[in-house]
Amino acid sequence: MSAAESSDRSFQADSLALGMSVMLLMTVIQRGIGFGRGIWFCRVLDDQVLGQWAMAFGFVTMVTPMLLLGLPGSLPRYVETYRQRGHLRSFLGRIAWLTFALSGAAAAGMLVFPEAFGRLVFRAPAGFSPILALAVAVVSIVLFNSLNELVAALRQVRVVSWMQFTQSVGFTVLAMAVLMGGGQLTGLIYSFAAACWLGSLPAWWVLLRNWHLVPRAPEPLCSGSMWQRVLPYAAALWVMNLLSNAFELSDRYMILHVSQSADLGQSLVGQYHSARIIPALLVSVAVMGSGVLLPYMTADWEGGRHRQMRASLRRVLLAVSVVFTVGAAAALTLAPWMFEKLLGGRYEDGLAVMPLAFTFSIWAGLIALAQNYLWVAERGKLVGWALAVGLAVNLGLNAWLLPRFGLGGAVAATAFSHLVVLLGIYLAMQHSGYRSDVTLVWVTLLPATLLAGPLAAVVCTLGVCVASPQARRWLHEAYRQLRTKSRLWS
């Protein structure tokens, strides 16, 4: 038996259909809990403290990946490659040592320069305690994300879902206990860090259960050849993370730092955070789905099934655009009641910009899914170029529109910049062998119909499902599969 065959016995991969089904079910439950947590935060915190939490959470979750040179993000692309060659142990060991050395250095830097990081995150000195909490959270989320990427790369999708679920539920319980006990910002950050450690437990379970079955290669892995292949990919991913995280945080940092005062900026960030409570659920589902999809796309690519991979991606993009647009229309219908009854009528500015927030959030989800094609084709640098253009557009439009139109101008600038990035991704895909068709037009335009109102969005979505041949084929295939399963069940 070859080393590759022996290694295949160690981690039995979930099927794509099973993985997607479990991920969707667990994500619905998890995001429902997260939604309730977000609503409760808005009720018990004033908009200034809510804005501080939004900036702290954004800093920890979005800035951390760029400190790690893209190494954990390279796992979904190369774990299967080195597993088939029998070098999984050596590959993961080298990635792990470098990853945690970098995260430790980042946390130490925060403790050495707490005042500088306080001004960066909060626009005002925050004291040593919140920065210490941020440093602990950085190390914690590095551990959680690294294990999450590894387990996803091994196609243990059910374990990934349990990790996300445990982390979300743990944070909810711990945060409620902290806030009910009188804690504020620092307590919330520590609660998030502790939840990351709890969420890592399912990954440790599956790794300890299977690691002894992973064979040791008869020949050592050449370090030079490994880094020569991995580092260019990781560097492109690092640039992408740097640009995407700067792109993701740019609107909030512009709101915080361009406003007349730190207090006003934090309050506006709190209003903006309330508008993104529901749209952020859609983005998180798309990002999780993207992480699940990438290893399967990689397997198809390595197996020479390029046409099948492109067709699957096209169906996924269309399904996400349709489902997310209809879901957003339903949420917009209920939003006035939610903001009045659940949030106490304190976030009128957030309610006003919610249609735009939904539009660019769906585009962000499509970006997360579509860019997988470029990463699998090892053209990730094109993702970086699209994000660089989008970041420049975002900063320029925010600088122009924010002083004139306030929060609405900032959200409009963010929406337009997301559209620029999405179109850039499409163009890069076409230049990398992806054949574009009218499906991408419908996929892109559907979220924008939310600006005309929920009813208009639903009508347009139904029209696309009837008019698009790709949509009709997809619906017909889904109907045939449903009938087949119904007969088997009966």
Protein backbone atom coordinates (compact mmCIF):
# COMPACT_ATOMS: atom_id res chain seq x y z
CA MET A 1 0.00 0.00 0.00
CA SER A 2 1.33 3.39 -0.96
CA ALA A 3 1.79 6.24 1.48
CA ALA A 4 -0.98 8.16 -0.23
CA GLU A 5 -3.41 5.28 0.06
CA SER A 6 -2.55 4.78 3.71
CA SER A 7 -3.02 8.47 4.36
CA ASP A 8 -6.44 8.34 2.75
CA ARG A 9 -7.53 5.99 5.56
CA SER A 10 -6.77 8.57 8.24
CA PHE A 11 -9.30 11.28 7.39
CA GLN A 12 -12.37 10.05 5.51
CA ALA A 13 -13.75 13.07 3.65
CA ASP A 14 -17.42 14.01 3.78
CA SER A 15 -19.19 14.18 0.43
CA LEU A 16 -19.93 17.61 -1.00
CA ALA A 17 -23.70 17.11 -0.73
CA LEU A 18 -23.49 15.91 2.88
CA GLY A 19 -21.01 18.64 3.78
CA MET A 20 -23.12 21.40 2.30
CA SER A 21 -26.30 20.05 3.95
CA VAL A 22 -24.75 19.80 7.41
CA MET A 23 -23.04 23.17 7.00
CA LEU A 24 -26.31 24.82 5.97
CA LEU A 25 -28.29 23.32 8.86
CA MET A 26 -25.70 24.19 11.48
CA THR A 27 -25.17 27.63 9.99
CA VAL A 28 -28.88 28.44 10.16
CA ILE A 29 -28.96 27.51 13.85
CA GLN A 30 -25.67 29.22 14.59
CA ARG A 31 -26.54 32.42 12.77
CA GLY A 32 -29.92 32.51 14.47
CA ILE A 33 -28.11 32.48 17.80
CA GLY A 34 -25.70 35.12 16.52
CA PHE A 35 -28.58 37.27 15.35
CA GLY A 36 -30.19 37.13 18.78
CA ARG A 37 -26.84 37.98 20.35
CA GLY A 38 -26.43 40.98 18.06
CA ILE A 39 -29.92 42.24 18.86
CA TRP A 40 -29.24 41.88 22.57
CA PHE A 41 -25.97 43.78 22.28
CA CYS A 42 -27.83 46.64 20.61
CA ARG A 43 -30.38 46.71 23.40
CA VAL A 44 -28.04 46.63 26.41
CA LEU A 45 -25.19 48.77 25.00
CA ASP A 46 -25.41 52.38 23.99
CA ASP A 47 -24.37 53.19 20.43
CA GLN A 48 -20.92 54.47 21.51
CA VAL A 49 -19.93 51.28 23.36
CA LEU A 50 -21.50 49.25 20.55
CA GLY A 51 -19.27 51.13 18.14
CA GLN A 52 -16.20 50.37 20.27
CA TRP A 53 -17.09 46.68 20.28
CA ALA A 54 -17.62 46.74 16.50
CA MET A 55 -14.17 48.25 15.99
CA ALA A 56 -12.51 45.79 18.40
CA PHE A 57 -14.22 42.80 16.80
CA GLY A 58 -13.36 44.04 13.32
CA PHE A 59 -9.73 44.56 14.28
CA VAL A 60 -9.29 41.09 15.78
CA THR A 61 -11.14 39.11 13.11
CA MET A 62 -10.08 41.05 10.03
CA VAL A 63 -6.54 42.24 10.79
CA THR A 64 -5.20 39.01 12.29
CA PRO A 65 -4.96 37.05 8.99
CA MET A 66 -2.69 39.64 7.43
CA LEU A 67 -0.20 39.20 10.29
CA LEU A 68 0.31 35.52 9.37
CA LEU A 69 1.62 35.92 5.81
CA GLY A 70 -1.32 33.96 4.41
CA LEU A 71 0.00 30.63 5.76
CA PRO A 72 -3.20 29.19 7.35
CA GLY A 73 -5.17 30.22 4.26
CA SER A 74 -2.91 28.10 2.07
CA LEU A 75 -4.00 24.89 3.83
CA PRO A 76 -7.18 24.27 1.77
CA ARG A 77 -5.10 24.50 -1.40
CA TYR A 78 -2.09 22.33 -0.45
CA VAL A 79 -3.17 19.88 2.27
CA GLU A 80 -4.57 17.45 -0.29
CA THR A 81 -1.48 17.85 -2.48
CA TYR A 82 0.98 16.92 0.28
CA ARG A 83 -1.36 14.33 1.73
CA GLN A 84 -1.37 12.42 -1.57
CA ARG A 85 2.43 12.58 -1.59
CA GLY A 86 2.68 11.24 1.97
CA HIS A 87 4.18 14.43 3.41
CA LEU A 88 1.22 15.72 5.42
CA ARG A 89 3.00 15.56 8.78
CA SER A 90 6.03 17.55 7.64
CA PHE A 91 3.96 20.09 5.75
CA LEU A 92 1.63 20.85 8.67
CA GLY A 93 4.46 20.94 11.20
CA ARG A 94 6.36 23.62 9.32
CA ILE A 95 3.24 25.70 8.70
CA ALA A 96 2.22 25.49 12.39
CA TRP A 97 5.59 26.60 13.81
CA LEU A 98 5.82 29.66 11.60
CA THR A 99 2.17 30.61 12.08
CA PHE A 100 2.28 30.68 15.87
CA ALA A 101 5.67 32.39 15.98
CA LEU A 102 4.17 35.23 13.94
CA SER A 103 1.02 35.43 16.08
CA GLY A 104 3.09 35.55 19.27
CA ALA A 105 5.18 38.39 17.86
CA ALA A 106 2.03 40.32 16.93
CA ALA A 107 0.55 39.93 20.41
CA ALA A 108 3.83 41.05 22.00
CA GLY A 109 3.89 44.14 19.80
CA MET A 110 0.41 45.10 20.99
CA LEU A 111 1.51 44.85 24.63
CA VAL A 112 4.63 46.94 24.00
CA PHE A 113 2.73 49.73 22.21
CA PRO A 114 -0.74 49.76 23.83
CA GLU A 115 -1.36 53.49 23.33
CA ALA A 116 -0.68 53.34 19.60
CA PHE A 117 -3.05 50.40 19.15
CA GLY A 118 -5.67 52.15 21.28
CA ARG A 119 -5.63 55.15 18.95
CA LEU A 120 -5.70 52.90 15.92
CA VAL A 121 -8.70 50.85 17.03
CA PHE A 122 -10.69 53.38 19.10
CA ARG A 123 -9.30 56.79 17.97
CA ALA A 124 -8.44 57.46 21.63
CA PRO A 125 -6.17 55.91 24.31
CA ALA A 126 -8.07 52.95 25.75
CA GLY A 127 -5.80 51.90 28.60
CA PHE A 128 -3.80 48.71 28.95
CA SER A 129 -6.65 46.32 29.86
CA PRO A 130 -8.57 46.45 26.53
CA ILE A 131 -5.32 46.09 24.55
CA LEU A 132 -4.29 43.09 26.66
CA ALA A 133 -7.69 41.56 25.95
CA LEU A 134 -7.18 42.24 22.23
CA ALA A 135 -3.77 40.53 22.32
CA VAL A 136 -5.27 37.44 23.97
CA ALA A 137 -8.06 37.45 21.39
CA VAL A 138 -5.52 37.63 18.55
CA VAL A 139 -3.74 34.46 19.74
CA SER A 140 -7.06 32.72 20.33
CA ILE A 141 -8.49 33.44 16.91
CA VAL A 142 -5.24 32.41 15.22
CA LEU A 143 -5.60 28.99 16.87
CA PHE A 144 -9.27 28.71 15.95
CA ASN A 145 -8.89 29.86 12.33
CA SER A 146 -5.82 27.68 11.72
CA LEU A 147 -7.59 24.57 12.96
CA ASN A 148 -10.71 25.53 11.04
CA GLU A 149 -8.74 25.85 7.79
CA LEU A 150 -6.97 22.54 8.41
CA VAL A 151 -10.14 20.57 9.17
CA ALA A 152 -11.89 22.15 6.17
CA ALA A 153 -8.93 21.25 3.95
CA LEU A 154 -9.29 17.63 5.11
CA ARG A 155 -12.97 17.86 4.06
CA GLN A 156 -14.24 17.16 7.56
CA VAL A 157 -17.17 19.47 6.97
CA ARG A 158 -19.29 18.26 9.84
CA VAL A 159 -16.46 19.03 12.25
CA VAL A 160 -16.07 22.50 10.75
CA SER A 161 -19.77 23.10 11.34
CA TRP A 162 -19.49 21.96 14.95
CA MET A 163 -16.50 24.24 15.48
CA GLN A 164 -18.40 27.26 14.21
CA PHE A 165 -21.49 26.29 16.21
CA THR A 166 -19.58 25.76 19.46
CA GLN A 167 -17.72 29.04 19.07
CA SER A 168 -20.94 30.98 18.41
CA VAL A 169 -22.93 29.42 21.25
CA GLY A 170 -20.00 29.72 23.64
CA PHE A 171 -19.54 33.40 22.88
CA THR A 172 -23.26 34.05 23.34
CA VAL A 173 -23.38 32.38 26.75
CA LEU A 174 -20.16 33.96 27.99
CA ALA A 175 -21.05 37.43 26.69
CA MET A 176 -24.46 37.33 28.34
CA ALA A 177 -22.90 36.31 31.63
CA VAL A 178 -20.31 39.09 31.41
CA LEU A 179 -22.78 41.84 30.53
CA MET A 180 -25.33 40.72 33.10
CA GLY A 181 -22.53 40.84 35.66
CA GLY A 182 -21.76 44.46 34.80
CA GLY A 183 -18.87 43.88 32.40
CA GLN A 184 -18.37 46.04 29.32
CA LEU A 185 -15.95 46.15 26.40
CA THR A 186 -13.00 44.31 27.95
CA GLY A 187 -15.22 41.51 29.21
CA LEU A 188 -16.75 41.07 25.75
CA ILE A 189 -13.32 40.72 24.18
CA TYR A 190 -12.24 38.07 26.73
CA SER A 191 -15.53 36.24 26.16
CA PHE A 192 -14.79 36.10 22.43
CA ALA A 193 -11.27 34.78 23.09
CA ALA A 194 -12.55 32.05 25.40
CA ALA A 195 -15.20 31.05 22.84
CA CYS A 196 -12.46 30.56 20.24
CA TRP A 197 -10.73 28.07 22.52
CA LEU A 198 -14.03 26.23 23.08
CA GLY A 199 -14.70 26.17 19.34
CA SER A 200 -11.32 24.52 18.74
CA LEU A 201 -12.23 21.41 20.74
CA PRO A 202 -14.00 19.51 17.89
CA ALA A 203 -10.93 20.00 15.69
CA TRP A 204 -8.62 18.63 18.39
CA TRP A 205 -10.94 15.63 18.73
CA VAL A 206 -10.83 14.67 15.05
CA LEU A 207 -7.07 15.33 14.80
CA LEU A 208 -6.18 13.25 17.86
CA ARG A 209 -8.46 10.49 16.65
CA ASN A 210 -6.85 10.24 13.20
CA TRP A 211 -3.33 11.65 13.50
CA HIS A 212 -1.72 8.33 14.44
CA LEU A 213 -3.00 6.90 11.14
CA VAL A 214 -1.17 9.51 9.07
CA PRO A 215 1.92 7.74 7.71
CA ARG A 216 5.43 9.05 7.90
CA ALA A 217 6.92 9.48 4.45
CA PRO A 218 9.86 7.22 3.63
CA GLU A 219 11.67 10.22 2.18
CA PRO A 220 11.83 13.62 3.93
CA LEU A 221 10.00 16.56 2.45
CA CYS A 222 12.39 18.96 0.77
CA SER A 223 11.91 22.23 2.61
CA GLY A 224 13.12 24.34 -0.28
CA SER A 225 10.73 22.87 -2.84
CA MET A 226 7.81 23.08 -0.41
CA TRP A 227 8.32 26.74 0.42
CA GLN A 228 9.02 27.51 -3.23
CA ARG A 229 5.55 26.30 -4.10
CA VAL A 230 3.62 27.39 -1.01
CA LEU A 231 5.09 30.84 -0.40
CA PRO A 232 4.05 32.43 -3.74
CA TYR A 233 0.50 31.22 -3.14
CA ALA A 234 0.60 32.34 0.50
CA ALA A 235 2.10 35.70 -0.49
CA ALA A 236 -0.69 36.27 -3.00
CA LEU A 237 -3.19 35.25 -0.32
CA TRP A 238 -1.51 37.59 2.18
CA VAL A 239 -1.81 40.49 -0.24
CA MET A 240 -5.42 39.54 -0.79
CA ASN A 241 -6.04 39.39 2.98
CA LEU A 242 -4.32 42.73 3.48
CA LEU A 243 -6.40 44.35 0.74
CA SER A 244 -9.67 42.61 1.61
CA ASN A 245 -9.37 43.37 5.31
CA ALA A 246 -8.44 46.98 4.61
CA PHE A 247 -11.36 47.05 2.18
CA GLU A 248 -13.70 45.51 4.76
CA LEU A 249 -12.69 47.90 7.56
CA SER A 250 -12.14 51.05 5.50
CA ASP A 251 -15.70 52.36 5.80
CA ARG A 252 -15.76 51.98 9.59
CA TYR A 253 -12.32 53.52 9.99
CA MET A 254 -13.33 56.42 7.74
CA ILE A 255 -16.52 56.91 9.77
CA LEU A 256 -14.54 56.80 13.02
CA HIS A 257 -11.62 59.01 12.01
CA VAL A 258 -13.28 61.49 9.61
CA SER A 259 -16.13 62.34 11.99
CA GLN A 260 -15.88 65.54 14.02
CA SER A 261 -15.07 63.74 17.27
CA ALA A 262 -14.22 60.29 18.58
CA ASP A 263 -17.56 60.05 20.42
CA LEU A 264 -19.55 60.94 17.30
CA GLY A 265 -17.52 58.54 15.20
CA GLN A 266 -18.06 55.66 17.63
CA SER A 267 -21.80 56.41 17.71
CA LEU A 268 -22.06 56.37 13.91
CA VAL A 269 -20.13 53.10 13.80
CA GLY A 270 -22.71 51.74 16.27
CA GLN A 271 -25.55 52.86 13.99
CA TYR A 272 -23.80 51.25 11.03
CA HIS A 273 -23.30 48.06 13.04
CA SER A 274 -27.05 47.85 13.67
CA ALA A 275 -27.72 48.08 9.92
CA ARG A 276 -25.38 45.16 9.26
CA ILE A 277 -26.73 42.72 11.84
CA ILE A 278 -28.85 40.79 9.33
CA PRO A 279 -26.76 41.43 6.17
CA ALA A 280 -23.68 40.14 7.99
CA LEU A 281 -25.46 36.80 8.38
CA LEU A 282 -25.57 36.44 4.61
CA VAL A 283 -21.88 37.26 4.27
CA SER A 284 -20.90 34.78 6.96
CA VAL A 285 -22.93 32.01 5.31
CA ALA A 286 -21.27 32.75 1.95
CA VAL A 287 -17.78 32.83 3.48
CA MET A 288 -18.37 29.53 5.27
CA GLY A 289 -19.75 28.02 2.07
CA SER A 290 -16.72 29.31 0.18
CA GLY A 291 -14.38 27.57 2.62
CA VAL A 292 -16.31 24.33 2.25
CA LEU A 293 -16.42 24.60 -1.55
CA LEU A 294 -12.71 25.31 -2.12
CA PRO A 295 -11.33 21.83 -1.29
CA TYR A 296 -13.91 20.20 -3.58
CA MET A 297 -13.09 22.60 -6.39
CA THR A 298 -9.41 21.82 -5.83
CA ALA A 299 -10.10 18.09 -6.02
CA ASP A 300 -11.97 18.56 -9.34
CA TRP A 301 -9.18 20.73 -10.69
CA GLU A 302 -6.44 18.30 -9.71
CA GLY A 303 -8.51 15.49 -11.24
CA GLY A 304 -8.81 17.32 -14.57
CA ARG A 305 -12.57 17.92 -14.22
CA HIS A 306 -12.35 21.61 -15.10
CA ARG A 307 -15.64 21.87 -16.99
CA GLN A 308 -17.54 20.20 -14.16
CA MET A 309 -15.99 22.58 -11.65
CA ARG A 310 -16.99 25.65 -13.68
CA ALA A 311 -20.56 24.41 -14.07
CA SER A 312 -20.87 23.74 -10.34
CA LEU A 313 -19.55 27.20 -9.49
CA ARG A 314 -22.03 28.81 -11.91
CA ARG A 315 -24.93 27.01 -10.24
CA VAL A 316 -23.71 27.98 -6.79
CA LEU A 317 -23.44 31.67 -7.70
CA LEU A 318 -26.93 31.74 -9.20
CA ALA A 319 -28.45 29.91 -6.23
CA VAL A 320 -26.79 32.23 -3.73
CA SER A 321 -27.91 35.38 -5.54
CA VAL A 322 -31.51 34.16 -5.78
CA VAL A 323 -31.82 32.85 -2.24
CA PHE A 324 -30.00 35.78 -0.62
CA THR A 325 -32.05 38.38 -2.52
CA VAL A 326 -35.36 36.80 -1.53
CA GLY A 327 -34.16 36.43 2.05
CA ALA A 328 -33.06 40.06 2.15
CA ALA A 329 -36.46 41.17 0.80
CA ALA A 330 -38.18 39.29 3.61
CA ALA A 331 -35.84 40.83 6.18
CA LEU A 332 -36.43 44.36 4.85
CA THR A 333 -40.17 43.82 5.21
CA LEU A 334 -39.74 42.99 8.91
CA ALA A 335 -36.95 45.51 9.59
CA PRO A 336 -39.14 48.50 10.67
CA TRP A 337 -40.86 46.38 13.30
CA MET A 338 -37.56 44.90 14.46
CA PHE A 339 -35.86 48.28 14.85
CA GLU A 340 -38.85 49.77 16.64
CA LYS A 341 -39.72 46.91 18.99
CA LEU A 342 -36.49 44.97 19.50
CA LEU A 343 -33.99 47.83 19.31
CA GLY A 344 -36.14 50.41 21.05
CA GLY A 345 -36.23 52.85 18.10
CA ARG A 346 -32.65 54.01 18.83
CA TYR A 347 -31.10 53.15 15.46
CA GLU A 348 -33.06 55.11 12.83
CA ASP A 349 -29.92 55.85 10.81
CA GLY A 350 -29.11 52.16 10.66
CA LEU A 351 -32.59 51.31 9.40
CA ALA A 352 -32.34 53.94 6.66
CA VAL A 353 -29.19 52.42 5.12
CA MET A 354 -30.18 48.77 5.47
CA PRO A 355 -31.23 48.23 1.80
CA LEU A 356 -27.79 49.38 0.67
CA ALA A 357 -26.18 47.23 3.34
CA PHE A 358 -28.03 44.17 2.05
CA THR A 359 -27.05 44.93 -1.54
CA PHE A 360 -23.32 45.17 -0.95
CA SER A 361 -23.38 42.28 1.54
CA ILE A 362 -24.79 39.93 -1.11
CA TRP A 363 -22.14 41.18 -3.54
CA ALA A 364 -19.53 40.47 -0.85
CA GLY A 365 -20.84 36.90 -0.57
CA LEU A 366 -20.62 36.46 -4.34
CA ILE A 367 -17.04 37.77 -4.26
CA ALA A 368 -16.11 35.23 -1.58
CA LEU A 369 -17.48 32.37 -3.70
CA ALA A 370 -16.36 33.50 -7.16
CA GLN A 371 -12.75 34.16 -6.17
CA ASN A 372 -12.29 30.47 -5.37
CA TYR A 373 -11.94 29.86 -9.10
CA LEU A 374 -8.90 32.13 -9.26
CA TRP A 375 -7.29 30.56 -6.19
CA VAL A 376 -7.74 27.05 -7.54
CA ALA A 377 -6.29 28.15 -10.90
CA GLU A 378 -3.37 29.70 -8.95
CA ARG A 379 -4.21 33.16 -10.24
CA GLY A 380 -4.81 34.62 -6.81
CA LYS A 381 -2.84 37.77 -7.58
CA LEU A 382 -5.74 38.87 -9.79
CA VAL A 383 -7.98 38.85 -6.73
CA GLY A 384 -5.51 41.24 -5.13
CA TRP A 385 -5.68 43.61 -8.10
CA ALA A 386 -9.49 43.67 -7.99
CA LEU A 387 -9.42 44.40 -4.25
CA ALA A 388 -6.78 47.11 -4.68
CA VAL A 389 -8.97 48.95 -7.18
CA GLY A 390 -12.01 48.50 -4.94
CA LEU A 391 -10.13 49.79 -1.90
CA ALA A 392 -9.01 52.90 -3.77
CA VAL A 393 -12.59 53.53 -4.92
CA ASN A 394 -13.90 52.96 -1.40
CA LEU A 395 -11.47 55.39 0.23
CA GLY A 396 -11.95 58.04 -2.44
CA LEU A 397 -15.75 57.91 -2.40
CA ASN A 398 -15.88 57.78 1.42
CA ALA A 399 -13.65 60.85 1.67
CA TRP A 400 -15.97 62.68 -0.72
CA LEU A 401 -19.43 61.43 0.32
CA LEU A 402 -19.04 60.97 4.09
CA PRO A 403 -18.61 64.69 5.00
CA ARG A 404 -21.52 65.62 2.70
CA PHE A 405 -24.09 62.89 3.34
CA GLY A 406 -23.00 61.30 6.60
CA LEU A 407 -23.62 57.62 7.17
CA GLY A 408 -25.67 57.24 3.99
CA GLY A 409 -22.78 58.52 1.90
CA ALA A 410 -20.35 56.09 3.52
CA VAL A 411 -22.63 53.12 2.85
CA ALA A 412 -23.22 54.20 -0.77
CA ALA A 413 -19.45 54.41 -1.30
CA THR A 414 -19.02 50.94 0.18
CA ALA A 415 -21.75 49.49 -2.04
CA PHE A 416 -20.27 50.91 -5.24
CA SER A 417 -16.77 49.70 -4.34
CA HIS A 418 -18.10 46.16 -3.77
CA LEU A 419 -19.61 46.22 -7.24
CA VAL A 420 -16.24 47.30 -8.66
CA VAL A 421 -14.50 44.36 -6.94
CA LEU A 422 -17.11 41.85 -8.13
CA LEU A 423 -16.82 43.01 -11.73
CA GLY A 424 -13.04 42.82 -11.43
CA ILE A 425 -13.28 39.22 -10.22
CA TYR A 426 -15.50 38.34 -13.17
CA LEU A 427 -13.02 39.88 -15.60
CA ALA A 428 -10.12 37.98 -14.03
CA MET A 429 -12.08 34.72 -14.18
CA GLN A 430 -12.76 35.20 -17.87
CA HIS A 431 -9.06 35.78 -18.54
CA SER A 432 -8.30 32.57 -16.59
CA GLY A 433 -10.48 30.24 -18.65
CA TYR A 434 -13.93 30.77 -17.15
CA ARG A 435 -16.59 31.20 -19.83
CA SER A 436 -18.95 34.02 -18.92
CA ASP A 437 -22.61 34.00 -19.90
CA VAL A 438 -25.82 35.88 -19.15
CA THR A 439 -26.08 34.05 -15.81
CA LEU A 440 -23.45 36.33 -14.30
CA VAL A 441 -25.50 39.37 -15.35
CA TRP A 442 -28.55 38.11 -13.45
CA VAL A 443 -26.40 37.06 -10.50
CA THR A 444 -24.99 40.60 -10.22
CA LEU A 445 -28.13 42.66 -10.85
CA LEU A 446 -30.54 40.81 -8.57
CA PRO A 447 -29.19 42.20 -5.26
CA ALA A 448 -29.48 45.78 -6.58
CA THR A 449 -33.25 45.34 -7.02
CA LEU A 450 -33.52 45.56 -3.21
CA LEU A 451 -33.02 49.32 -3.55
CA ALA A 452 -36.43 49.49 -5.28
CA GLY A 453 -38.13 47.74 -2.36
CA PRO A 454 -38.76 44.18 -1.17
CA LEU A 455 -41.68 43.53 -3.54
CA ALA A 456 -39.73 44.67 -6.59
CA ALA A 457 -36.83 42.44 -5.60
CA VAL A 458 -39.04 39.35 -5.29
CA VAL A 459 -40.76 40.03 -8.63
CA CYS A 460 -37.41 40.50 -10.39
CA THR A 461 -36.04 37.33 -8.83
CA LEU A 462 -39.01 35.30 -10.06
CA GLY A 463 -38.57 36.86 -13.50
CA VAL A 464 -34.93 35.81 -13.62
CA CYS A 465 -35.78 32.25 -12.57
CA VAL A 466 -38.23 32.06 -15.48
CA ALA A 467 -36.13 33.89 -18.09
CA SER A 468 -32.67 32.42 -17.43
CA PRO A 469 -32.01 29.04 -19.12
CA GLN A 470 -29.38 28.26 -16.50
CA ALA A 471 -31.88 28.97 -13.72
CA ARG A 472 -34.53 26.82 -15.38
CA ARG A 473 -32.09 23.92 -15.75
CA TRP A 474 -30.98 24.28 -12.14
CA LEU A 475 -34.58 24.35 -10.87
CA HIS A 476 -35.47 21.37 -13.06
CA GLU A 477 -32.54 19.36 -11.73
CA ALA A 478 -33.48 20.25 -8.16
CA TYR A 479 -37.09 19.21 -8.84
CA ARG A 480 -36.00 15.87 -10.33
CA GLN A 481 -33.76 15.15 -7.36
CA LEU A 482 -36.61 16.01 -4.98
CA ARG A 483 -39.00 13.66 -6.80
CA THR A 484 -36.43 10.86 -6.79
CA LYS A 485 -35.84 11.21 -3.05
CA SER A 486 -39.59 11.41 -2.40
CA ARG A 487 -40.12 8.10 -4.20
CA LEU A 488 -37.32 6.47 -2.22
CA TRP A 489 -38.72 7.72 1.05
CA SER A 490 -42.23 6.52 0.17
